[in-house]
Amino acid sequence: FVVCISRSGDNTYYSASVKGRFTISRDSAKNTVDPQM
């Protein structure tokens, strides 16, 4: 497991190995879910 995100995008959870370095977000306009690493 790396990261997950809720339907709304308001809640996220990261594995300890990536927390603080990775950020996940939703782009509704593009219909994407995007981890920034």
PDB file of all heavy atoms in Angstrom:
ATOM      1  N   PHE A   1       0.825  -1.196   0.000  1.00  0.00           N
ATOM      2  CA  PHE A   1       0.000   0.000   0.000  1.00  0.00           C
ATOM      3  C   PHE A   1       0.860   1.247   0.000  1.00  0.00           C
ATOM      4  O   PHE A   1       1.885   1.304   0.675  1.00  0.00           O
ATOM      5  CB  PHE A   1      -0.906  -0.008   1.237  1.00  0.00           C
ATOM      6  CG  PHE A   1      -1.606   1.293   1.488  1.00  0.00           C
ATOM      7  CD1 PHE A   1      -2.725   1.653   0.761  1.00  0.00           C
ATOM      8  CD2 PHE A   1      -1.139   2.160   2.456  1.00  0.00           C
ATOM      9  CE1 PHE A   1      -3.372   2.851   0.990  1.00  0.00           C
ATOM     10  CE2 PHE A   1      -1.774   3.361   2.705  1.00  0.00           C
ATOM     11  CZ  PHE A   1      -2.893   3.704   1.967  1.00  0.00           C
ATOM     12  N   VAL A   2       0.428   2.270  -0.752  1.00  0.00           N
ATOM     13  CA  VAL A   2       1.129   3.545  -0.806  1.00  0.00           C
ATOM     14  C   VAL A   2       0.273   4.673  -0.243  1.00  0.00           C
ATOM     15  O   VAL A   2       0.669   5.356   0.707  1.00  0.00           O
ATOM     16  CB  VAL A   2       1.562   3.899  -2.240  1.00  0.00           C
ATOM     17  CG1 VAL A   2       2.273   5.248  -2.270  1.00  0.00           C
ATOM     18  CG2 VAL A   2       2.469   2.817  -2.804  1.00  0.00           C
ATOM     19  N   VAL A   3      -0.909   4.883  -0.819  1.00  0.00           N
ATOM     20  CA  VAL A   3      -1.756   6.006  -0.435  1.00  0.00           C
ATOM     21  C   VAL A   3      -3.185   5.738  -0.884  1.00  0.00           C
ATOM     22  O   VAL A   3      -3.413   5.010  -1.852  1.00  0.00           O
ATOM     23  CB  VAL A   3      -1.233   7.325  -1.060  1.00  0.00           C
ATOM     24  CG1 VAL A   3      -1.235   7.244  -2.580  1.00  0.00           C
ATOM     25  CG2 VAL A   3      -2.021   8.526  -0.580  1.00  0.00           C
ATOM     26  N   CYS A   4      -4.153   6.343  -0.187  1.00  0.00           N
ATOM     27  CA  CYS A   4      -5.549   6.250  -0.596  1.00  0.00           C
ATOM     28  C   CYS A   4      -6.242   7.582  -0.366  1.00  0.00           C
ATOM     29  O   CYS A   4      -5.745   8.448   0.364  1.00  0.00           O
ATOM     30  CB  CYS A   4      -6.283   5.123   0.135  1.00  0.00           C
ATOM     31  SG  CYS A   4      -6.293   5.262   1.935  1.00  0.00           S
ATOM     32  N   ILE A   5      -7.417   7.742  -0.989  1.00  0.00           N
ATOM     33  CA  ILE A   5      -8.148   8.996  -0.916  1.00  0.00           C
ATOM     34  C   ILE A   5      -9.643   8.711  -0.938  1.00  0.00           C
ATOM     35  O   ILE A   5     -10.105   7.802  -1.619  1.00  0.00           O
ATOM     36  CB  ILE A   5      -7.734   9.938  -2.075  1.00  0.00           C
ATOM     37  CG1 ILE A   5      -8.349  11.326  -1.904  1.00  0.00           C
ATOM     38  CG2 ILE A   5      -8.095   9.324  -3.423  1.00  0.00           C
ATOM     39  CD1 ILE A   5      -7.754  12.361  -2.860  1.00  0.00           C
ATOM     40  N   SER A   6     -10.396   9.510  -0.178  1.00  0.00           N
ATOM     41  CA  SER A   6     -11.838   9.338  -0.092  1.00  0.00           C
ATOM     42  C   SER A   6     -12.527   9.813  -1.362  1.00  0.00           C
ATOM     43  O   SER A   6     -11.917  10.432  -2.240  1.00  0.00           O
ATOM     44  CB  SER A   6     -12.381  10.105   1.116  1.00  0.00           C
ATOM     45  OG  SER A   6     -12.171  11.498   0.966  1.00  0.00           O
ATOM     46  N   ARG A   7     -13.827   9.527  -1.459  1.00  0.00           N
ATOM     47  CA  ARG A   7     -14.595   9.959  -2.627  1.00  0.00           C
ATOM     48  C   ARG A   7     -14.585  11.467  -2.795  1.00  0.00           C
ATOM     49  O   ARG A   7     -14.463  11.978  -3.916  1.00  0.00           O
ATOM     50  CB  ARG A   7     -16.037   9.454  -2.525  1.00  0.00           C
ATOM     51  CG  ARG A   7     -16.191   7.949  -2.635  1.00  0.00           C
ATOM     52  CD  ARG A   7     -17.655   7.548  -2.537  1.00  0.00           C
ATOM     53  NE  ARG A   7     -17.830   6.107  -2.637  1.00  0.00           N
ATOM     54  CZ  ARG A   7     -17.844   5.285  -1.598  1.00  0.00           C
ATOM     55  NH1 ARG A   7     -17.694   5.755  -0.373  1.00  0.00           N
ATOM     56  NH2 ARG A   7     -18.012   3.979  -1.797  1.00  0.00           N
ATOM     57  N   SER A   8     -14.706  12.188  -1.692  1.00  0.00           N
ATOM     58  CA  SER A   8     -14.731  13.643  -1.744  1.00  0.00           C
ATOM     59  C   SER A   8     -13.350  14.252  -1.951  1.00  0.00           C
ATOM     60  O   SER A   8     -13.238  15.403  -2.385  1.00  0.00           O
ATOM     61  CB  SER A   8     -15.339  14.205  -0.464  1.00  0.00           C
ATOM     62  OG  SER A   8     -14.500  13.957   0.643  1.00  0.00           O
ATOM     63  N   GLY A   9     -12.305  13.510  -1.618  1.00  0.00           N
ATOM     64  CA  GLY A   9     -10.955  14.034  -1.645  1.00  0.00           C
ATOM     65  C   GLY A   9     -10.539  14.715  -0.359  1.00  0.00           C
ATOM     66  O   GLY A   9      -9.390  15.155  -0.241  1.00  0.00           O
ATOM     67  N   ASP A  10     -11.434  14.794   0.604  1.00  0.00           N
ATOM     68  CA  ASP A  10     -11.149  15.483   1.859  1.00  0.00           C
ATOM     69  C   ASP A  10     -10.292  14.668   2.813  1.00  0.00           C
ATOM     70  O   ASP A  10      -9.654  15.237   3.702  1.00  0.00           O
ATOM     71  CB  ASP A  10     -12.448  15.857   2.566  1.00  0.00           C
ATOM     72  CG  ASP A  10     -13.227  16.925   1.834  1.00  0.00           C
ATOM     73  OD1 ASP A  10     -12.616  17.683   1.051  1.00  0.00           O
ATOM     74  OD2 ASP A  10     -14.449  17.012   2.043  1.00  0.00           O
ATOM     75  N   ASN A  11     -10.276  13.349   2.645  1.00  0.00           N
ATOM     76  CA  ASN A  11      -9.533  12.476   3.540  1.00  0.00           C
ATOM     77  C   ASN A  11      -8.523  11.652   2.757  1.00  0.00           C
ATOM     78  O   ASN A  11      -8.853  11.055   1.730  1.00  0.00           O
ATOM     79  CB  ASN A  11     -10.479  11.551   4.300  1.00  0.00           C
ATOM     80  CG  ASN A  11     -11.458  12.304   5.181  1.00  0.00           C
ATOM     81  OD1 ASN A  11     -12.662  12.306   4.940  1.00  0.00           O
ATOM     82  ND2 ASN A  11     -10.924  12.956   6.216  1.00  0.00           N
ATOM     83  N   THR A  12      -7.294  11.636   3.260  1.00  0.00           N
ATOM     84  CA  THR A  12      -6.222  10.854   2.656  1.00  0.00           C
ATOM     85  C   THR A  12      -5.460  10.108   3.739  1.00  0.00           C
ATOM     86  O   THR A  12      -5.481  10.491   4.911  1.00  0.00           O
ATOM     87  CB  THR A  12      -5.247  11.746   1.880  1.00  0.00           C
ATOM     88  OG1 THR A  12      -4.700  12.732   2.769  1.00  0.00           O
ATOM     89  CG2 THR A  12      -5.963  12.453   0.735  1.00  0.00           C
ATOM     90  N   TYR A  13      -4.780   9.043   3.329  1.00  0.00           N
ATOM     91  CA  TYR A  13      -3.979   8.257   4.257  1.00  0.00           C
ATOM     92  C   TYR A  13      -2.760   7.745   3.511  1.00  0.00           C
ATOM     93  O   TYR A  13      -2.875   7.220   2.400  1.00  0.00           O
ATOM     94  CB  TYR A  13      -4.788   7.098   4.836  1.00  0.00           C
ATOM     95  CG  TYR A  13      -4.043   6.291   5.862  1.00  0.00           C
ATOM     96  CD1 TYR A  13      -3.888   6.759   7.157  1.00  0.00           C
ATOM     97  CD2 TYR A  13      -3.487   5.057   5.537  1.00  0.00           C
ATOM     98  CE1 TYR A  13      -3.204   6.028   8.100  1.00  0.00           C
ATOM     99  CE2 TYR A  13      -2.793   4.315   6.479  1.00  0.00           C
ATOM    100  CZ  TYR A  13      -2.659   4.812   7.762  1.00  0.00           C
ATOM    101  OH  TYR A  13      -1.980   4.080   8.701  1.00  0.00           O
ATOM    102  N   TYR A  14      -1.577   7.882   4.127  1.00  0.00           N
ATOM    103  CA  TYR A  14      -0.318   7.519   3.499  1.00  0.00           C
ATOM    104  C   TYR A  14       0.408   6.455   4.303  1.00  0.00           C
ATOM    105  O   TYR A  14       0.349   6.440   5.538  1.00  0.00           O
ATOM    106  CB  TYR A  14       0.593   8.743   3.383  1.00  0.00           C
ATOM    107  CG  TYR A  14       0.009   9.865   2.566  1.00  0.00           C
ATOM    108  CD1 TYR A  14      -0.842  10.800   3.143  1.00  0.00           C
ATOM    109  CD2 TYR A  14       0.314   9.994   1.219  1.00  0.00           C
ATOM    110  CE1 TYR A  14      -1.379  11.830   2.392  1.00  0.00           C
ATOM    111  CE2 TYR A  14      -0.214  11.026   0.463  1.00  0.00           C
ATOM    112  CZ  TYR A  14      -1.057  11.936   1.057  1.00  0.00           C
ATOM    113  OH  TYR A  14      -1.582  12.963   0.309  1.00  0.00           O
ATOM    114  N   SER A  15       1.121   5.589   3.611  1.00  0.00           N
ATOM    115  CA  SER A  15       1.997   4.665   4.296  1.00  0.00           C
ATOM    116  C   SER A  15       3.130   5.448   4.959  1.00  0.00           C
ATOM    117  O   SER A  15       3.492   6.547   4.520  1.00  0.00           O
ATOM    118  CB  SER A  15       2.563   3.629   3.332  1.00  0.00           C
ATOM    119  OG  SER A  15       3.462   4.226   2.419  1.00  0.00           O
ATOM    120  N   ALA A  16       3.702   4.873   6.015  1.00  0.00           N
ATOM    121  CA  ALA A  16       4.762   5.563   6.737  1.00  0.00           C
ATOM    122  C   ALA A  16       5.971   5.851   5.853  1.00  0.00           C
ATOM    123  O   ALA A  16       6.667   6.856   6.044  1.00  0.00           O
ATOM    124  CB  ALA A  16       5.185   4.734   7.956  1.00  0.00           C
ATOM    125  N   SER A  17       6.221   5.003   4.873  1.00  0.00           N
ATOM    126  CA  SER A  17       7.398   5.150   4.035  1.00  0.00           C
ATOM    127  C   SER A  17       7.316   6.334   3.077  1.00  0.00           C
ATOM    128  O   SER A  17       8.352   6.802   2.596  1.00  0.00           O
ATOM    129  CB  SER A  17       7.649   3.867   3.238  1.00  0.00           C
ATOM    130  OG  SER A  17       6.561   3.585   2.375  1.00  0.00           O
ATOM    131  N   VAL A  18       6.106   6.831   2.785  1.00  0.00           N
ATOM    132  CA  VAL A  18       5.958   7.929   1.827  1.00  0.00           C
ATOM    133  C   VAL A  18       5.369   9.188   2.448  1.00  0.00           C
ATOM    134  O   VAL A  18       5.371  10.237   1.796  1.00  0.00           O
ATOM    135  CB  VAL A  18       5.113   7.517   0.607  1.00  0.00           C
ATOM    136  CG1 VAL A  18       5.658   6.246  -0.017  1.00  0.00           C
ATOM    137  CG2 VAL A  18       3.648   7.354   0.994  1.00  0.00           C
ATOM    138  N   LYS A  19       4.868   9.102   3.660  1.00  0.00           N
ATOM    139  CA  LYS A  19       4.241  10.253   4.302  1.00  0.00           C
ATOM    140  C   LYS A  19       5.233  11.410   4.391  1.00  0.00           C
ATOM    141  O   LYS A  19       6.377  11.242   4.794  1.00  0.00           O
ATOM    142  CB  LYS A  19       3.742   9.885   5.690  1.00  0.00           C
ATOM    143  CG  LYS A  19       2.901  10.969   6.350  1.00  0.00           C
ATOM    144  CD  LYS A  19       2.329  10.485   7.675  1.00  0.00           C
ATOM    145  CE  LYS A  19       1.436  11.536   8.308  1.00  0.00           C
ATOM    146  NZ  LYS A  19       0.863  11.065   9.594  1.00  0.00           N
ATOM    147  N   GLY A  20       4.775  12.604   4.008  1.00  0.00           N
ATOM    148  CA  GLY A  20       5.615  13.785   3.999  1.00  0.00           C
ATOM    149  C   GLY A  20       6.317  14.022   2.683  1.00  0.00           C
ATOM    150  O   GLY A  20       6.825  15.127   2.446  1.00  0.00           O
ATOM    151  N   ARG A  21       6.363  13.013   1.818  1.00  0.00           N
ATOM    152  CA  ARG A  21       6.990  13.131   0.511  1.00  0.00           C
ATOM    153  C   ARG A  21       5.980  13.050  -0.634  1.00  0.00           C
ATOM    154  O   ARG A  21       6.156  13.696  -1.661  1.00  0.00           O
ATOM    155  CB  ARG A  21       8.051  12.048   0.316  1.00  0.00           C
ATOM    156  CG  ARG A  21       9.167  12.092   1.354  1.00  0.00           C
ATOM    157  CD  ARG A  21      10.276  11.104   1.029  1.00  0.00           C
ATOM    158  NE  ARG A  21       9.800   9.719   1.049  1.00  0.00           N
ATOM    159  CZ  ARG A  21       9.793   8.913  -0.005  1.00  0.00           C
ATOM    160  NH1 ARG A  21      10.240   9.340  -1.181  1.00  0.00           N
ATOM    161  NH2 ARG A  21       9.352   7.669   0.114  1.00  0.00           N
ATOM    162  N   PHE A  22       4.938  12.240  -0.457  1.00  0.00           N
ATOM    163  CA  PHE A  22       3.903  12.071  -1.480  1.00  0.00           C
ATOM    164  C   PHE A  22       2.647  12.821  -1.063  1.00  0.00           C
ATOM    165  O   PHE A  22       2.325  12.896   0.130  1.00  0.00           O
ATOM    166  CB  PHE A  22       3.544  10.598  -1.673  1.00  0.00           C
ATOM    167  CG  PHE A  22       4.622   9.746  -2.283  1.00  0.00           C
ATOM    168  CD1 PHE A  22       5.918  10.201  -2.437  1.00  0.00           C
ATOM    169  CD2 PHE A  22       4.315   8.458  -2.702  1.00  0.00           C
ATOM    170  CE1 PHE A  22       6.901   9.407  -2.995  1.00  0.00           C
ATOM    171  CE2 PHE A  22       5.286   7.647  -3.262  1.00  0.00           C
ATOM    172  CZ  PHE A  22       6.579   8.118  -3.411  1.00  0.00           C
ATOM    173  N   THR A  23       1.922  13.337  -2.040  1.00  0.00           N
ATOM    174  CA  THR A  23       0.643  13.989  -1.814  1.00  0.00           C
ATOM    175  C   THR A  23      -0.330  13.566  -2.900  1.00  0.00           C
ATOM    176  O   THR A  23      -0.020  13.669  -4.083  1.00  0.00           O
ATOM    177  CB  THR A  23       0.768  15.522  -1.828  1.00  0.00           C
ATOM    178  OG1 THR A  23       1.730  15.945  -0.856  1.00  0.00           O
ATOM    179  CG2 THR A  23      -0.579  16.165  -1.513  1.00  0.00           C
ATOM    180  N   ILE A  24      -1.506  13.084  -2.496  1.00  0.00           N
ATOM    181  CA  ILE A  24      -2.502  12.649  -3.466  1.00  0.00           C
ATOM    182  C   ILE A  24      -3.645  13.658  -3.503  1.00  0.00           C
ATOM    183  O   ILE A  24      -4.010  14.245  -2.483  1.00  0.00           O
ATOM    184  CB  ILE A  24      -3.029  11.237  -3.151  1.00  0.00           C
ATOM    185  CG1 ILE A  24      -3.842  10.687  -4.328  1.00  0.00           C
ATOM    186  CG2 ILE A  24      -3.846  11.216  -1.870  1.00  0.00           C
ATOM    187  CD1 ILE A  24      -4.163   9.215  -4.221  1.00  0.00           C
ATOM    188  N   SER A  25      -4.211  13.855  -4.686  1.00  0.00           N
ATOM    189  CA  SER A  25      -5.321  14.777  -4.851  1.00  0.00           C
ATOM    190  C   SER A  25      -6.218  14.316  -5.994  1.00  0.00           C
ATOM    191  O   SER A  25      -5.832  13.476  -6.811  1.00  0.00           O
ATOM    192  CB  SER A  25      -4.825  16.199  -5.117  1.00  0.00           C
ATOM    193  OG  SER A  25      -4.072  16.250  -6.318  1.00  0.00           O
ATOM    194  N   ARG A  26      -7.421  14.867  -6.024  1.00  0.00           N
ATOM    195  CA  ARG A  26      -8.354  14.617  -7.124  1.00  0.00           C
ATOM    196  C   ARG A  26      -8.472  15.864  -7.986  1.00  0.00           C
ATOM    197  O   ARG A  26      -8.512  16.985  -7.476  1.00  0.00           O
ATOM    198  CB  ARG A  26      -9.733  14.247  -6.591  1.00  0.00           C
ATOM    199  CG  ARG A  26      -9.819  12.894  -5.907  1.00  0.00           C
ATOM    200  CD  ARG A  26     -11.252  12.621  -5.456  1.00  0.00           C
ATOM    201  NE  ARG A  26     -11.405  11.323  -4.811  1.00  0.00           N
ATOM    202  CZ  ARG A  26     -11.700  10.192  -5.441  1.00  0.00           C
ATOM    203  NH1 ARG A  26     -11.874  10.190  -6.761  1.00  0.00           N
ATOM    204  NH2 ARG A  26     -11.822   9.064  -4.758  1.00  0.00           N
ATOM    205  N   ASP A  27      -8.523  15.675  -9.287  1.00  0.00           N
ATOM    206  CA  ASP A  27      -8.789  16.750 -10.230  1.00  0.00           C
ATOM    207  C   ASP A  27     -10.104  16.408 -10.916  1.00  0.00           C
ATOM    208  O   ASP A  27     -10.132  15.663 -11.896  1.00  0.00           O
ATOM    209  CB  ASP A  27      -7.663  16.898 -11.242  1.00  0.00           C
ATOM    210  CG  ASP A  27      -7.813  18.143 -12.093  1.00  0.00           C
ATOM    211  OD1 ASP A  27      -8.940  18.582 -12.333  1.00  0.00           O
ATOM    212  OD2 ASP A  27      -6.767  18.683 -12.524  1.00  0.00           O
ATOM    213  N   SER A  28     -11.200  16.929 -10.388  1.00  0.00           N
ATOM    214  CA  SER A  28     -12.521  16.575 -10.897  1.00  0.00           C
ATOM    215  C   SER A  28     -12.716  17.006 -12.347  1.00  0.00           C
ATOM    216  O   SER A  28     -13.380  16.314 -13.121  1.00  0.00           O
ATOM    217  CB  SER A  28     -13.601  17.198 -10.018  1.00  0.00           C
ATOM    218  OG  SER A  28     -13.553  16.682  -8.705  1.00  0.00           O
ATOM    219  N   ALA A  29     -12.148  18.157 -12.725  1.00  0.00           N
ATOM    220  CA  ALA A  29     -12.294  18.654 -14.087  1.00  0.00           C
ATOM    221  C   ALA A  29     -11.671  17.701 -15.100  1.00  0.00           C
ATOM    222  O   ALA A  29     -12.168  17.559 -16.221  1.00  0.00           O
ATOM    223  CB  ALA A  29     -11.692  20.041 -14.215  1.00  0.00           C
ATOM    224  N   LYS A  30     -10.572  17.059 -14.726  1.00  0.00           N
ATOM    225  CA  LYS A  30      -9.887  16.118 -15.606  1.00  0.00           C
ATOM    226  C   LYS A  30     -10.275  14.671 -15.335  1.00  0.00           C
ATOM    227  O   LYS A  30      -9.834  13.772 -16.053  1.00  0.00           O
ATOM    228  CB  LYS A  30      -8.376  16.267 -15.460  1.00  0.00           C
ATOM    229  CG  LYS A  30      -7.834  17.621 -15.890  1.00  0.00           C
ATOM    230  CD  LYS A  30      -6.329  17.679 -15.720  1.00  0.00           C
ATOM    231  CE  LYS A  30      -5.768  19.015 -16.159  1.00  0.00           C
ATOM    232  NZ  LYS A  30      -4.295  19.079 -15.967  1.00  0.00           N
ATOM    233  N   ASN A  31     -11.081  14.442 -14.298  1.00  0.00           N
ATOM    234  CA  ASN A  31     -11.479  13.090 -13.899  1.00  0.00           C
ATOM    235  C   ASN A  31     -10.244  12.229 -13.624  1.00  0.00           C
ATOM    236  O   ASN A  31     -10.099  11.124 -14.161  1.00  0.00           O
ATOM    237  CB  ASN A  31     -12.362  12.435 -14.963  1.00  0.00           C
ATOM    238  CG  ASN A  31     -13.026  11.172 -14.465  1.00  0.00           C
ATOM    239  OD1 ASN A  31     -13.408  11.068 -13.300  1.00  0.00           O
ATOM    240  ND2 ASN A  31     -13.181  10.185 -15.346  1.00  0.00           N
ATOM    241  N   THR A  32      -9.350  12.739 -12.774  1.00  0.00           N
ATOM    242  CA  THR A  32      -8.131  12.022 -12.444  1.00  0.00           C
ATOM    243  C   THR A  32      -7.891  12.003 -10.943  1.00  0.00           C
ATOM    244  O   THR A  32      -8.419  12.823 -10.203  1.00  0.00           O
ATOM    245  CB  THR A  32      -6.898  12.637 -13.118  1.00  0.00           C
ATOM    246  OG1 THR A  32      -6.730  13.988 -12.684  1.00  0.00           O
ATOM    247  CG2 THR A  32      -7.023  12.598 -14.633  1.00  0.00           C
ATOM    248  N   VAL A  33      -7.076  11.053 -10.524  1.00  0.00           N
ATOM    249  CA  VAL A  33      -6.544  10.968  -9.175  1.00  0.00           C
ATOM    250  C   VAL A  33      -5.032  10.952  -9.307  1.00  0.00           C
ATOM    251  O   VAL A  33      -4.480  10.071  -9.973  1.00  0.00           O
ATOM    252  CB  VAL A  33      -7.045   9.718  -8.442  1.00  0.00           C
ATOM    253  CG1 VAL A  33      -6.380   9.601  -7.074  1.00  0.00           C
ATOM    254  CG2 VAL A  33      -8.556   9.768  -8.286  1.00  0.00           C
ATOM    255  N   ASP A  34      -4.364  11.920  -8.683  1.00  0.00           N
ATOM    256  CA  ASP A  34      -2.973  12.210  -9.012  1.00  0.00           C
ATOM    257  C   ASP A  34      -2.076  12.216  -7.781  1.00  0.00           C
ATOM    258  O   ASP A  34      -2.182  13.113  -6.941  1.00  0.00           O
ATOM    259  CB  ASP A  34      -2.860  13.566  -9.698  1.00  0.00           C
ATOM    260  CG  ASP A  34      -3.822  13.712 -10.859  1.00  0.00           C
ATOM    261  OD1 ASP A  34      -3.965  12.753 -11.637  1.00  0.00           O
ATOM    262  OD2 ASP A  34      -4.433  14.792 -10.991  1.00  0.00           O
ATOM    263  N   PRO A  35      -1.177  11.236  -7.659  1.00  0.00           N
ATOM    264  CA  PRO A  35      -0.148  11.317  -6.615  1.00  0.00           C
ATOM    265  C   PRO A  35       1.034  12.154  -7.076  1.00  0.00           C
ATOM    266  O   PRO A  35       1.629  11.867  -8.119  1.00  0.00           O
ATOM    267  CB  PRO A  35       0.261   9.858  -6.399  1.00  0.00           C
ATOM    268  CG  PRO A  35      -0.701   9.026  -7.208  1.00  0.00           C
ATOM    269  CD  PRO A  35      -1.194   9.917  -8.297  1.00  0.00           C
ATOM    270  N   GLN A  36       1.365  13.187  -6.309  1.00  0.00           N
ATOM    271  CA  GLN A  36       2.578  13.962  -6.518  1.00  0.00           C
ATOM    272  C   GLN A  36       3.662  13.368  -5.630  1.00  0.00           C
ATOM    273  O   GLN A  36       3.511  13.336  -4.406  1.00  0.00           O
ATOM    274  CB  GLN A  36       2.351  15.427  -6.170  1.00  0.00           C
ATOM    275  CG  GLN A  36       3.601  16.293  -6.262  1.00  0.00           C
ATOM    276  CD  GLN A  36       4.113  16.425  -7.666  1.00  0.00           C
ATOM    277  OE1 GLN A  36       3.336  16.668  -8.592  1.00  0.00           O
ATOM    278  NE2 GLN A  36       5.413  16.259  -7.854  1.00  0.00           N
ATOM    279  N   MET A  37       4.738  12.904  -6.223  1.00  0.00           N
ATOM    280  CA  MET A  37       5.789  12.198  -5.510  1.00  0.00           C
ATOM    281  C   MET A  37       7.050  13.039  -5.532  1.00  0.00           C
ATOM    282  O   MET A  37       7.662  13.232  -6.587  1.00  0.00           O
ATOM    283  CB  MET A  37       6.032  10.827  -6.133  1.00  0.00           C
ATOM    284  CG  MET A  37       4.758  10.010  -6.322  1.00  0.00           C
ATOM    285  SD  MET A  37       5.054   8.303  -6.831  1.00  0.00           S
ATOM    286  CE  MET A  37       5.898   8.568  -8.398  1.00  0.00           C
TER     287      MET A  37
END
